[in-house]
Amino acid sequence: MAEHDPLHCAECPVRDIAVCAGMGEAERRDLARLGRRRRFARGQTIFAAGDDSIACATLVSGTLKLARIDAQGTERMLGLVYPAGFLARLFAPTLDSSAIALTDVELCLFARSDVEREMHAHSGFMARVLAATTDQLAQSHALIELIGRNDARARLAGLLCLLVDQHCDGPADNGLRLELPLGRGDIAALLGTTIETISRQIGALEAEGIVRRDGLRHLLICDVGMLHRAAGLG
């Protein structure tokens, strides 16, 4: 069950990088009065495709996936959202994709009408909202291009490159430590292959010294340059 609390911007871990960053303290307080902090458990749907587009949200913690069901009834993942990411379908009557929690998440949730009014009142806020929307589209296009590749190894390596850019824990003793927000089943579904193929390709990347497994949900990226070359990115 989702829980909700008033917003306390001074304690927000993404206040300096979210769409509200750059607002003056008085403007931020005005915006905070319009929203609520919401918590959702892993697997819960925050927004569903086809619902009225009446809410917007900033992700404070956790990871979400954006997905749509195609004509054949298969879920197609359109993107991943990380902390400070902005969720909205502005100036449209309905949502065209679902937002689903991949982990336990916290969001700042606002009525869309309030966000649109603040956008018109504060040009800097509008610019950041539009930039966040553009970044989300760019990531969706990158995923679509990635999925279109024929080589399962290149697809997996490309996905890991995207995740390193967005979701890396930081340096470890022997490389960059990457937390995988997706399980192997989700990765396989996203890349249009099987769990067995994903496991085999991770093993191959490990044998080449590119990655090393670190528990169930972490990888050490031992050589970022080799990972990019495996993805066909350089």
Protein backbone atom coordinates (compact mmCIF):
# COMPACT_ATOMS: atom_id res chain seq x y z
CA MET A 1 0.00 0.00 0.00
CA ALA A 2 1.36 3.43 -0.92
CA GLU A 3 2.13 5.78 1.95
CA HIS A 4 2.20 9.57 1.70
CA ASP A 5 3.69 12.44 3.70
CA PRO A 6 4.17 16.18 3.26
CA LEU A 7 7.28 17.25 1.37
CA HIS A 8 10.37 18.34 3.30
CA CYS A 9 12.65 19.73 0.60
CA ALA A 10 15.56 20.50 2.93
CA GLU A 11 15.98 16.74 3.53
CA CYS A 12 15.55 15.68 -0.11
CA PRO A 13 18.58 13.78 -1.49
CA VAL A 14 17.91 14.93 -5.09
CA ARG A 15 17.02 18.58 -4.41
CA ASP A 16 20.14 19.82 -6.24
CA ILE A 17 19.63 17.79 -9.44
CA ALA A 18 15.83 17.36 -9.77
CA VAL A 19 13.63 19.61 -11.91
CA CYS A 20 13.04 21.88 -8.90
CA ALA A 21 16.78 22.63 -8.55
CA GLY A 22 17.53 26.29 -9.16
CA MET A 23 14.25 27.52 -7.72
CA GLY A 24 14.50 30.05 -4.92
CA GLU A 25 13.67 28.88 -1.43
CA ALA A 26 10.32 30.71 -1.42
CA GLU A 27 9.40 29.20 -4.80
CA ARG A 28 10.47 25.77 -3.62
CA ARG A 29 8.31 26.10 -0.50
CA ASP A 30 5.33 27.09 -2.65
CA LEU A 31 5.88 24.03 -4.86
CA ALA A 32 6.35 21.74 -1.84
CA ARG A 33 2.98 22.75 -0.44
CA LEU A 34 1.38 21.41 -3.61
CA GLY A 35 2.90 17.93 -3.44
CA ARG A 36 3.13 14.81 -1.29
CA ARG A 37 5.84 12.22 -0.72
CA ARG A 38 4.63 8.78 -1.78
CA ARG A 39 6.17 5.35 -1.21
CA PHE A 40 5.52 2.32 -3.39
CA ALA A 41 6.71 -1.26 -2.95
CA ARG A 42 8.63 -3.16 -5.60
CA GLY A 43 6.30 -4.37 -8.35
CA GLN A 44 3.59 -1.77 -7.78
CA THR A 45 2.28 0.27 -10.70
CA ILE A 46 2.57 4.00 -10.06
CA PHE A 47 0.92 5.15 -13.29
CA ALA A 48 -0.86 2.89 -15.78
CA ALA A 49 -1.06 3.35 -19.53
CA GLY A 50 -4.46 4.71 -20.52
CA ASP A 51 -5.08 6.42 -17.18
CA ASP A 52 -6.01 10.08 -17.12
CA SER A 53 -2.83 12.15 -17.24
CA ILE A 54 -3.51 14.09 -14.06
CA ALA A 55 -0.31 13.61 -12.01
CA CYS A 56 3.43 14.24 -12.25
CA ALA A 57 6.24 12.94 -10.05
CA THR A 58 9.93 13.29 -9.29
CA LEU A 59 11.65 10.05 -8.30
CA VAL A 60 13.47 10.53 -4.99
CA SER A 61 14.86 7.02 -4.51
CA GLY A 62 14.70 3.62 -6.20
CA THR A 63 14.27 2.66 -9.85
CA LEU A 64 11.23 2.55 -12.14
CA LYS A 65 10.62 1.07 -15.54
CA LEU A 66 8.42 2.59 -18.23
CA ALA A 67 6.60 -0.08 -20.23
CA ARG A 68 3.81 -0.57 -22.73
CA ILE A 69 1.85 -3.66 -23.80
CA ASP A 70 2.05 -4.17 -27.58
CA ALA A 71 -0.67 -5.50 -29.91
CA GLN A 72 0.47 -9.09 -29.25
CA GLY A 73 0.10 -8.64 -25.49
CA THR A 74 3.86 -8.55 -24.84
CA GLU A 75 5.30 -6.00 -22.42
CA ARG A 76 7.81 -3.71 -24.12
CA MET A 77 10.12 -1.74 -21.86
CA LEU A 78 10.58 1.85 -23.02
CA GLY A 79 12.99 3.19 -20.45
CA LEU A 80 14.33 3.24 -16.93
CA VAL A 81 13.93 6.09 -14.45
CA TYR A 82 16.49 6.81 -11.72
CA PRO A 83 16.50 9.21 -8.75
CA ALA A 84 15.81 12.82 -9.82
CA GLY A 85 14.00 11.51 -12.92
CA PHE A 86 10.75 13.26 -13.79
CA LEU A 87 7.53 11.41 -14.71
CA ALA A 88 4.87 13.30 -16.61
CA ARG A 89 2.67 13.28 -19.68
CA LEU A 90 2.20 17.03 -19.96
CA PHE A 91 -0.52 18.63 -22.07
CA ALA A 92 -2.00 15.23 -23.01
CA PRO A 93 -5.25 13.67 -21.74
CA THR A 94 -3.96 10.14 -21.07
CA LEU A 95 -0.73 8.29 -20.28
CA ASP A 96 0.86 6.28 -23.09
CA SER A 97 2.98 4.00 -20.88
CA SER A 98 2.99 2.50 -17.41
CA ALA A 99 5.48 3.33 -14.65
CA ILE A 100 6.26 0.30 -12.47
CA ALA A 101 8.52 0.11 -9.41
CA LEU A 102 11.55 -2.16 -9.93
CA THR A 103 12.57 -1.55 -6.31
CA ASP A 104 10.91 0.09 -3.34
CA VAL A 105 10.61 3.74 -4.40
CA GLU A 106 9.81 7.18 -3.06
CA LEU A 107 8.38 9.97 -5.20
CA CYS A 108 7.30 13.57 -4.89
CA LEU A 109 3.83 13.51 -6.43
CA PHE A 110 2.03 16.57 -7.83
CA ALA A 111 -1.18 17.32 -9.68
CA ARG A 112 -0.34 18.00 -13.33
CA SER A 113 -2.32 21.25 -13.27
CA ASP A 114 -0.11 22.53 -10.42
CA VAL A 115 3.09 21.65 -12.31
CA GLU A 116 1.86 23.30 -15.50
CA ARG A 117 0.95 26.44 -13.55
CA GLU A 118 4.41 26.54 -11.92
CA MET A 119 6.03 26.04 -15.33
CA HIS A 120 4.26 29.12 -16.68
CA ALA A 121 5.15 31.14 -13.57
CA HIS A 122 8.85 30.20 -13.49
CA SER A 123 10.77 30.00 -16.76
CA GLY A 124 13.73 28.22 -15.15
CA PHE A 125 11.46 25.49 -13.81
CA MET A 126 9.86 25.12 -17.24
CA ALA A 127 13.28 24.75 -18.87
CA ARG A 128 14.30 21.98 -16.46
CA VAL A 129 11.01 20.11 -16.92
CA LEU A 130 11.37 20.26 -20.71
CA ALA A 131 15.02 19.16 -20.48
CA ALA A 132 14.05 16.20 -18.27
CA THR A 133 11.36 15.19 -20.78
CA THR A 134 13.86 15.43 -23.64
CA ASP A 135 16.41 13.31 -21.74
CA GLN A 136 13.78 10.64 -21.15
CA LEU A 137 12.94 10.54 -24.87
CA ALA A 138 16.63 10.27 -25.72
CA GLN A 139 17.04 7.32 -23.37
CA SER A 140 14.01 5.61 -24.89
CA HIS A 141 15.49 6.03 -28.37
CA ALA A 142 18.82 4.63 -27.15
CA LEU A 143 17.05 1.56 -25.77
CA ILE A 144 15.12 1.06 -29.02
CA GLU A 145 18.37 1.20 -31.02
CA LEU A 146 19.98 -1.20 -28.57
CA ILE A 147 17.16 -3.73 -28.81
CA GLY A 148 17.36 -3.61 -32.62
CA ARG A 149 20.88 -5.06 -32.71
CA ASN A 150 21.26 -8.67 -33.83
CA ASP A 151 24.15 -9.67 -31.56
CA ALA A 152 23.05 -10.64 -28.02
CA ARG A 153 26.53 -9.84 -26.69
CA ALA A 154 26.41 -6.31 -28.13
CA ARG A 155 22.89 -5.78 -26.81
CA LEU A 156 23.87 -6.83 -23.29
CA ALA A 157 27.10 -4.80 -23.34
CA GLY A 158 25.18 -1.77 -24.63
CA LEU A 159 22.63 -2.07 -21.83
CA LEU A 160 25.42 -2.29 -19.26
CA CYS A 161 26.97 0.87 -20.77
CA LEU A 162 23.64 2.69 -20.34
CA LEU A 163 23.37 1.46 -16.76
CA VAL A 164 26.93 2.53 -15.94
CA ASP A 165 26.06 6.04 -17.10
CA GLN A 166 22.93 6.19 -14.94
CA HIS A 167 23.17 3.73 -12.08
CA CYS A 168 26.77 3.13 -11.03
CA ASP A 169 27.53 2.92 -7.29
CA GLY A 170 30.99 4.35 -7.92
CA PRO A 171 34.54 2.98 -8.00
CA ALA A 172 35.45 -0.24 -6.22
CA ASP A 173 38.84 -1.86 -5.68
CA ASN A 174 38.80 -3.59 -9.06
CA GLY A 175 36.53 -1.42 -11.23
CA LEU A 176 33.20 0.35 -11.19
CA ARG A 177 30.52 -1.30 -9.04
CA LEU A 178 27.21 -1.45 -10.87
CA GLU A 179 23.94 -2.27 -9.14
CA LEU A 180 21.61 -4.00 -11.60
CA PRO A 181 18.11 -2.51 -11.22
CA LEU A 182 16.76 -5.29 -13.44
CA GLY A 183 16.66 -9.01 -12.75
CA ARG A 184 17.90 -11.35 -15.47
CA GLY A 185 14.34 -12.09 -16.52
CA ASP A 186 13.68 -8.37 -17.06
CA ILE A 187 16.98 -7.97 -18.92
CA ALA A 188 16.12 -10.92 -21.16
CA ALA A 189 12.65 -9.52 -21.88
CA LEU A 190 14.09 -6.09 -22.63
CA LEU A 191 16.74 -7.45 -25.01
CA GLY A 192 14.45 -9.96 -26.70
CA THR A 193 16.35 -13.08 -25.62
CA THR A 194 16.34 -15.73 -22.86
CA ILE A 195 17.60 -15.81 -19.28
CA GLU A 196 20.00 -18.59 -20.31
CA THR A 197 21.47 -16.40 -23.06
CA ILE A 198 21.91 -13.49 -20.64
CA SER A 199 23.71 -15.75 -18.14
CA ARG A 200 25.91 -17.14 -20.92
CA GLN A 201 26.81 -13.67 -22.23
CA ILE A 202 27.63 -12.38 -18.73
CA GLY A 203 29.90 -15.40 -18.36
CA ALA A 204 31.59 -14.58 -21.67
CA LEU A 205 32.15 -10.94 -20.67
CA GLU A 206 33.54 -12.19 -17.37
CA ALA A 207 35.90 -14.62 -19.13
CA GLU A 208 37.24 -11.72 -21.20
CA GLY A 209 37.96 -9.70 -18.07
CA ILE A 210 35.38 -7.02 -18.90
CA VAL A 211 33.07 -7.63 -15.93
CA ARG A 212 33.07 -9.66 -12.73
CA ARG A 213 30.03 -10.86 -10.81
CA ASP A 214 29.66 -9.40 -7.32
CA GLY A 215 26.63 -11.07 -5.71
CA LEU A 216 23.20 -11.48 -7.28
CA ARG A 217 22.50 -7.85 -8.22
CA HIS A 218 25.94 -6.29 -8.73
CA LEU A 219 28.64 -6.40 -11.37
CA LEU A 220 32.14 -4.97 -11.25
CA ILE A 221 32.90 -3.28 -14.56
CA CYS A 222 36.60 -4.03 -14.83
CA ASP A 223 37.28 -2.34 -18.18
CA VAL A 224 34.84 0.33 -19.37
CA GLY A 225 36.66 0.78 -22.69
CA MET A 226 36.38 -2.92 -23.54
CA LEU A 227 32.70 -2.84 -22.53
CA HIS A 228 32.09 0.02 -24.96
CA ARG A 229 33.89 -1.88 -27.73
CA ALA A 230 31.85 -5.02 -27.01
CA ALA A 231 28.73 -2.87 -27.44
CA GLY A 232 30.02 -1.49 -30.73
CA LEU A 233 30.28 2.00 -29.25
CA GLY A 234 33.98 2.59 -29.71
